[in-house]
Protein backbone atom coordinates (compact mmCIF):
# COMPACT_ATOMS: atom_id res chain seq x y z
CA UNK A 1 -0.09 -0.05 0.06
CA UNK A 2 1.33 3.44 -0.85
CA UNK A 3 2.00 5.87 1.95
CA UNK A 4 0.27 9.33 2.01
CA UNK A 5 2.79 12.16 1.76
CA UNK A 6 2.78 14.14 5.18
CA UNK A 7 3.04 17.70 3.93
CA UNK A 8 0.67 20.55 4.78
CA UNK A 9 -1.93 20.96 2.12
CA UNK A 10 -4.47 23.78 1.48
CA UNK A 11 -8.08 22.60 1.15
CA UNK A 12 -9.32 21.71 -2.28
CA UNK A 13 -11.52 24.65 -3.51
CA UNK A 14 -14.73 23.90 -5.28
CA UNK A 15 -16.10 26.54 -7.82
CA UNK A 16 -19.70 26.09 -8.73
CA UNK A 17 -21.35 27.29 -11.96
CA UNK A 18 -22.53 30.37 -10.06
CA UNK A 19 -19.03 31.09 -8.87
CA UNK A 20 -17.57 30.78 -12.42
CA UNK A 21 -20.30 33.21 -13.69
CA UNK A 22 -19.33 35.73 -10.99
CA UNK A 23 -15.55 35.34 -11.84
CA UNK A 24 -15.85 35.45 -15.65
CA UNK A 25 -13.75 38.23 -17.05
CA UNK A 26 -13.13 38.50 -20.86
CA UNK A 27 -9.98 40.71 -20.61
CA UNK A 28 -8.43 38.50 -17.99
CA UNK A 29 -9.19 35.34 -20.09
CA UNK A 30 -7.60 36.78 -23.28
CA UNK A 31 -4.56 37.85 -21.32
CA UNK A 32 -4.13 34.46 -19.69
CA UNK A 33 -4.34 32.73 -23.00
CA UNK A 34 -1.96 35.14 -24.65
CA UNK A 35 0.64 34.48 -21.84
CA UNK A 36 0.15 30.70 -22.24
CA UNK A 37 0.42 30.53 -26.05
CA UNK A 38 3.56 32.73 -26.09
CA UNK A 39 5.40 30.11 -24.03
CA UNK A 40 6.91 26.85 -25.21
CA UNK A 41 4.17 24.16 -25.64
CA UNK A 42 5.05 20.60 -26.71
CA UNK A 43 2.70 17.96 -28.17
CA UNK A 44 3.29 15.89 -24.96
CA UNK A 45 1.91 18.79 -22.80
CA UNK A 46 -1.38 18.70 -24.71
CA UNK A 47 -2.09 15.15 -25.87
CA UNK A 48 -5.07 14.12 -28.00
CA UNK A 49 -8.46 13.92 -26.33
CA UNK A 50 -9.91 10.52 -25.46
CA UNK A 51 -13.48 9.31 -25.39
CA UNK A 52 -15.15 6.32 -23.80
CA UNK A 53 -18.51 5.39 -25.36
CA UNK A 54 -21.38 3.37 -23.96
CA UNK A 55 -24.96 2.83 -25.18
CA UNK A 56 -26.16 6.42 -25.73
CA UNK A 57 -23.43 7.75 -23.26
CA UNK A 58 -19.92 9.08 -23.62
CA UNK A 59 -17.18 10.45 -21.41
CA UNK A 60 -14.58 12.65 -22.97
CA UNK A 61 -11.24 13.58 -21.31
CA UNK A 62 -8.97 16.53 -22.20
CA UNK A 63 -5.75 16.85 -20.30
CA UNK A 64 -2.88 19.36 -20.32
CA UNK A 65 0.04 20.78 -18.51
CA UNK A 66 -0.14 24.49 -18.13
CA UNK A 67 2.80 26.34 -19.82
CA UNK A 68 2.14 29.43 -17.81
CA UNK A 69 0.82 28.24 -14.34
CA UNK A 70 1.59 25.70 -11.61
CA UNK A 71 -1.09 23.08 -12.64
CA UNK A 72 -1.81 19.89 -14.44
CA UNK A 73 -5.39 19.75 -15.36
CA UNK A 74 -8.23 17.70 -16.87
CA UNK A 75 -11.69 18.49 -18.24
CA UNK A 76 -14.21 15.74 -18.18
CA UNK A 77 -17.41 15.86 -20.16
CA UNK A 78 -20.01 13.21 -19.40
CA UNK A 79 -23.00 13.16 -21.75
CA UNK A 80 -26.17 11.09 -22.31
CA UNK A 81 -27.68 11.34 -25.65
CA UNK A 82 -30.83 9.60 -24.49
CA UNK A 83 -31.41 12.03 -21.56
CA UNK A 84 -29.99 15.03 -23.64
CA UNK A 85 -27.92 16.03 -20.65
CA UNK A 86 -24.16 16.77 -20.01
CA UNK A 87 -21.91 17.48 -16.99
CA UNK A 88 -18.50 19.27 -17.12
CA UNK A 89 -15.81 19.02 -14.52
CA UNK A 90 -12.32 20.53 -14.43
CA UNK A 91 -9.68 19.34 -11.95
CA UNK A 92 -6.45 21.13 -11.24
CA UNK A 93 -3.41 19.41 -9.60
CA UNK A 94 -0.41 21.22 -8.33
CA UNK A 95 2.62 20.23 -10.45
CA UNK A 96 4.98 19.98 -7.46
CA UNK A 97 2.95 18.39 -4.76
CA UNK A 98 0.40 16.61 -7.04
CA UNK A 99 -2.34 17.92 -4.59
CA UNK A 100 -5.84 18.41 -5.89
CA UNK A 101 -6.00 22.18 -5.81
CA UNK A 102 -9.46 22.85 -7.31
CA UNK A 103 -12.55 21.26 -8.74
CA UNK A 104 -14.44 23.54 -11.07
CA UNK A 105 -17.84 23.28 -12.63
CA UNK A 106 -16.85 23.43 -16.31
CA UNK A 107 -20.16 24.31 -17.86
CA UNK A 108 -19.29 27.93 -18.68
CA UNK A 109 -15.49 27.34 -19.29
CA UNK A 110 -16.00 26.02 -22.86
CA UNK A 111 -17.75 29.24 -23.89
CA UNK A 112 -15.18 31.25 -22.02
CA UNK A 113 -12.14 29.63 -23.63
CA UNK A 114 -13.63 29.47 -27.13
CA UNK A 115 -14.50 33.22 -27.30
CA UNK A 116 -11.24 34.29 -25.56
CA UNK A 117 -9.07 32.24 -27.81
CA UNK A 118 -10.96 33.49 -30.89
CA UNK A 119 -10.39 37.05 -29.69
CA UNK A 120 -6.76 36.36 -29.11
CA UNK A 121 -6.45 35.11 -32.67
CA UNK A 122 -8.23 38.10 -34.08
CA UNK A 123 -6.14 40.43 -32.11
CA UNK A 124 -2.99 38.87 -33.49
CA UNK A 125 -4.21 38.71 -37.11
CA UNK A 126 -6.58 41.63 -37.83
CA UNK A 127 -5.34 45.09 -38.69
CA UNK A 128 -4.82 47.63 -35.87
CA UNK A 129 -7.78 49.86 -36.70
CA UNK A 130 -11.53 49.93 -35.76
CA UNK A 131 -12.87 46.77 -37.34
CA UNK A 132 -15.93 46.03 -39.51
CA UNK A 133 -17.12 42.65 -38.28
CA UNK A 134 -19.50 40.14 -39.72
CA UNK A 135 -21.13 37.44 -37.55
CA UNK A 136 -22.72 34.38 -39.10
CA UNK A 137 -24.79 32.74 -36.36
CA UNK A 138 -26.81 34.16 -33.41
CA UNK A 139 -26.36 31.51 -30.75
CA UNK A 140 -24.31 31.03 -27.64
CA UNK A 141 -20.88 30.85 -29.36
CA UNK A 142 -21.50 33.83 -31.70
CA UNK A 143 -22.69 36.01 -28.76
CA UNK A 144 -19.68 35.10 -26.62
CA UNK A 145 -17.17 35.76 -29.42
CA UNK A 146 -18.52 39.16 -30.21
CA UNK A 147 -18.99 40.13 -26.58
CA UNK A 148 -15.37 39.18 -25.82
CA UNK A 149 -14.02 40.89 -29.02
CA UNK A 150 -15.67 44.14 -28.17
CA UNK A 151 -13.94 44.34 -24.74
CA UNK A 152 -10.44 44.00 -26.48
CA UNK A 153 -10.74 45.87 -29.84
CA UNK A 154 -12.63 48.81 -31.22
CA UNK A 155 -15.48 47.80 -33.50
CA UNK A 156 -16.51 50.24 -36.25
CA UNK A 157 -19.61 48.31 -37.29
CA UNK A 158 -21.11 44.83 -36.91
CA UNK A 159 -23.53 42.98 -39.27
CA UNK A 160 -25.10 39.72 -38.16
CA UNK A 161 -26.83 37.08 -40.21
CA UNK A 162 -28.65 33.96 -39.15
CA UNK A 163 -31.53 32.27 -41.02
CA UNK A 164 -34.26 33.13 -38.63
CA UNK A 165 -35.14 36.93 -38.81
CA UNK A 166 -36.28 37.07 -35.17
CA UNK A 167 -33.06 35.44 -33.92
CA UNK A 168 -30.81 37.83 -35.71
CA UNK A 169 -32.78 40.86 -34.73
CA UNK A 170 -32.73 39.66 -31.10
CA UNK A 171 -28.94 39.11 -31.33
CA UNK A 172 -28.37 42.63 -32.73
CA UNK A 173 -30.71 44.23 -30.09
CA UNK A 174 -28.76 42.63 -27.36
CA UNK A 175 -25.59 44.58 -28.26
CA UNK A 176 -27.21 48.00 -28.70
CA UNK A 177 -26.47 50.80 -27.83
CA UNK A 178 -22.85 49.61 -27.08
CA UNK A 179 -22.29 48.70 -30.70
CA UNK A 180 -23.31 49.92 -34.15
CA UNK A 181 -24.80 46.67 -35.18
CA UNK A 182 -27.46 45.66 -37.69
CA UNK A 183 -29.09 42.36 -38.61
CA UNK A 184 -29.04 41.65 -42.38
CA UNK A 185 -30.92 39.44 -44.68
CA UNK A 186 -27.96 37.26 -46.04
CA UNK A 187 -24.58 35.94 -45.07
CA UNK A 188 -23.15 37.43 -48.28
CA UNK A 189 -24.42 40.80 -47.29
CA UNK A 190 -22.86 40.60 -43.94
CA UNK A 191 -19.46 39.32 -45.18
CA UNK A 192 -18.79 41.48 -48.35
CA UNK A 193 -16.91 44.35 -46.75
CA UNK A 194 -15.85 42.86 -43.35
CA UNK A 195 -12.41 43.08 -41.99
CA UNK A 196 -13.31 40.10 -39.64
CA UNK A 197 -15.81 37.33 -40.21
CA UNK A 198 -16.75 35.19 -37.17
CA UNK A 199 -18.49 31.96 -38.19
CA UNK A 200 -20.30 30.28 -35.36
CA UNK A 201 -23.11 28.39 -37.13
CA UNK A 202 -23.81 25.45 -39.35
CA UNK A 203 -26.56 24.74 -41.84
CA UNK A 204 -29.11 21.87 -41.14
CA UNK A 205 -27.72 19.95 -44.13
CA UNK A 206 -24.07 20.75 -43.27
CA UNK A 207 -23.54 22.78 -46.44
CA UNK A 208 -20.97 25.58 -45.81
CA UNK A 209 -22.43 28.93 -44.43
CA UNK A 210 -19.51 30.95 -45.72
CA UNK A 211 -18.33 31.14 -49.30
CA UNK A 212 -14.70 32.21 -50.00
CA UNK A 213 -15.83 34.20 -52.96
CA UNK A 214 -17.53 36.67 -50.67
CA UNK A 215 -14.35 37.55 -48.80
CA UNK A 216 -12.76 40.97 -49.24
CA UNK A 217 -8.89 41.16 -49.60
CA UNK A 218 -7.21 41.21 -46.17
CA UNK A 219 -10.12 39.56 -44.38
CA UNK A 220 -9.65 37.57 -41.19
CA UNK A 221 -11.89 34.54 -40.85
CA UNK A 222 -12.69 32.80 -37.60
CA UNK A 223 -14.41 29.41 -37.76
CA UNK A 224 -15.79 28.09 -34.45
CA UNK A 225 -18.75 25.97 -35.35
CA UNK A 226 -17.38 23.02 -37.29
CA UNK A 227 -15.21 20.67 -35.30
CA UNK A 228 -16.04 17.03 -36.46
CA UNK A 229 -15.61 15.19 -39.81
CA UNK A 230 -19.31 15.34 -40.50
CA UNK A 231 -19.56 19.06 -39.96
CA UNK A 232 -19.21 21.92 -42.51
CA UNK A 233 -19.07 25.68 -41.94
CA UNK A 234 -16.67 27.27 -44.49
CA UNK A 235 -16.22 26.19 -48.13
CA UNK A 236 -13.11 24.91 -49.93
CA UNK A 237 -12.50 28.31 -51.55
CA UNK A 238 -12.23 29.98 -48.14
CA UNK A 239 -9.31 27.68 -47.26
CA UNK A 240 -7.85 27.82 -50.77
CA UNK A 241 -7.89 31.65 -50.75
CA UNK A 242 -6.15 31.72 -47.19
CA UNK A 243 -2.50 32.62 -47.30
CA UNK A 244 -2.31 31.10 -43.76
CA UNK A 245 -4.60 28.91 -41.71
CA UNK A 246 -3.91 29.20 -38.00
CA UNK A 247 -5.27 26.41 -35.79
CA UNK A 248 -5.39 25.77 -31.95
CA UNK A 249 -4.86 22.08 -32.66
CA UNK A 250 -3.36 21.78 -36.27
CA UNK A 251 -3.36 18.02 -36.58
CA UNK A 252 -7.04 17.68 -35.34
CA UNK A 253 -8.07 20.58 -37.69
CA UNK A 254 -6.36 18.99 -40.66
CA UNK A 255 -7.67 15.38 -40.20
CA UNK A 256 -10.78 15.64 -38.05
CA UNK A 257 -12.76 18.59 -39.35
CA UNK A 258 -15.19 18.38 -42.28
CA UNK A 259 -13.98 21.79 -43.72
CA UNK A 260 -10.37 20.62 -43.98
CA UNK A 261 -11.22 17.16 -45.18
CA UNK A 262 -13.29 18.59 -47.97
CA UNK A 263 -10.58 21.16 -48.95
CA UNK A 264 -7.94 18.39 -49.00
CA UNK A 265 -10.12 16.19 -51.22
CA UNK A 266 -10.49 19.32 -53.54
CA UNK A 267 -6.79 19.61 -53.88
CA UNK A 268 -6.10 22.40 -51.42
CA UNK A 269 -2.52 22.02 -50.09
CA UNK A 270 -3.32 22.53 -46.33
CA UNK A 271 0.08 21.38 -45.06
CA UNK A 272 1.75 24.37 -46.88
CA UNK A 273 -0.26 26.94 -44.91
CA UNK A 274 -1.36 25.34 -41.69
CA UNK A 275 0.35 26.76 -38.55
CA UNK A 276 -0.23 26.68 -34.75
CA UNK A 277 -1.74 29.43 -32.78
CA UNK A 278 1.28 28.94 -30.35
CA UNK A 279 3.66 29.72 -33.29
CA UNK A 280 1.70 32.86 -34.14
CA UNK A 281 1.45 34.02 -30.46
CA UNK A 282 5.15 33.47 -29.79
CA UNK A 283 6.19 35.42 -32.88
CA UNK A 284 7.46 32.31 -34.59
CA UNK A 285 5.64 32.89 -37.80
CA UNK A 286 4.04 35.89 -39.75
CA UNK A 287 0.59 35.02 -40.98
CA UNK A 288 0.47 37.72 -43.80
CA UNK A 289 2.93 38.54 -46.45
CA UNK A 290 0.94 41.68 -47.35
CA UNK A 291 -2.17 43.46 -46.26
CA UNK A 292 -4.40 41.85 -48.88
CA UNK A 293 -3.71 38.31 -47.70
CA UNK A 294 -6.74 36.47 -46.29
CA UNK A 295 -6.10 34.50 -43.06
CA UNK A 296 -8.23 31.90 -41.27
CA UNK A 297 -8.29 30.86 -37.66
CA UNK A 298 -9.83 27.44 -37.30
CA UNK A 299 -10.74 26.24 -33.76
CA UNK A 300 -11.52 22.80 -32.42
CA UNK A 301 -10.78 23.66 -28.75
CA UNK A 302 -7.89 22.46 -26.54
CA UNK A 303 -7.32 21.28 -23.08
CA UNK A 304 -4.68 23.92 -22.81
CA UNK A 305 -7.34 26.60 -23.07
CA UNK A 306 -9.51 24.76 -20.47
CA UNK A 307 -6.61 24.48 -17.93
CA UNK A 308 -5.44 28.08 -18.41
CA UNK A 309 -8.83 29.55 -17.97
CA UNK A 310 -9.45 27.30 -14.97
CA UNK A 311 -6.30 28.66 -13.45
CA UNK A 312 -7.36 32.21 -14.12
CA UNK A 313 -10.67 31.50 -12.44
CA UNK A 314 -8.88 29.96 -9.39
CA UNK A 315 -6.59 32.94 -9.08
CA UNK A 316 -9.55 35.36 -9.11
CA UNK A 317 -11.51 33.19 -6.72
CA UNK A 318 -8.66 33.32 -4.18
CA UNK A 319 -8.32 37.09 -4.57
CA UNK A 320 -12.02 37.58 -3.94
CA UNK A 321 -12.73 34.97 -1.41
CA UNK A 322 -15.08 33.05 -3.70
CA UNK A 323 -15.69 29.36 -3.68
CA UNK A 324 -16.22 26.46 -1.19
CA UNK A 325 -13.20 24.79 0.50
CA UNK A 326 -13.96 21.08 0.68
CA UNK A 327 -13.86 19.40 4.04
CA UNK A 328 -11.99 16.45 2.70
CA UNK A 329 -9.85 15.76 -0.29
CA UNK A 330 -7.55 13.14 -1.77
CA UNK A 331 -4.07 12.90 -0.25
CA UNK A 332 -0.94 12.47 -2.48
CA UNK A 333 0.92 9.26 -1.86
CA UNK A 334 4.60 8.35 -2.04
CA UNK A 335 5.50 6.29 -5.09
């Protein structure tokens, strides 16, 4: 039997979904991710996700070693397709003591990290001027991405399209009067003169919602809504026109997303232009050769993002005295 390690340990802190909502901070999230992605990150620190499947149930595991903080972390997603329910749990372990530092309800963390990472990519890729933004989609991800972006960059105008007029009007109304935003009748109308296009939607038949022919020279495209082989969001011409495709997980984007699979089958040489967000954030690559180049950021999500955002939440929780210290936890053991 292994012997518990006799060292003083702080109680494990539990952060509920209510706590996470109170601690959410777009600027802090973007800053935390910028710091993390600017540091050396190896493939071993962020291994591929794994999934256990049952009869109508699955459990997904995403693990990472933080490059900017003191933790190892894991996000677990338990889902039942029969019950149409899911639970999200993030655990943080101290890298030195292996003590369980925190347990965090991860329900809101996916939205936080997706929007904040997209904003980081836009901030690194888009021109340094007030931006004309197009949003395709009016759901949770689209709303979060625009809300985060407006806290970091000045937006000259925003046009939003989604197929249901009431949904796009409601989306636009939610950002007034803080933004000059209008709902428009087609995706092409939204995109034609945009500096930045945020895609966070898919059609019911999985046909692309963005056509590369619509893009203005110099446009920055962010694709958030297509992360699986059977899903489509942007067409082959979008990826063909891109001088550079930045990805949070390049290998997964290349081989596991419907957009990239379709582009490869159409003869688009993705390997010649696909680079990591870490390489961009650390200054290792320059995405544009000139101001007319189109660039794409394609996201599938990463455990690094989950762990870094969880560390940010834990730090803010300690500063503000938020969270519930657990009466008991696990004890590290000698090995």
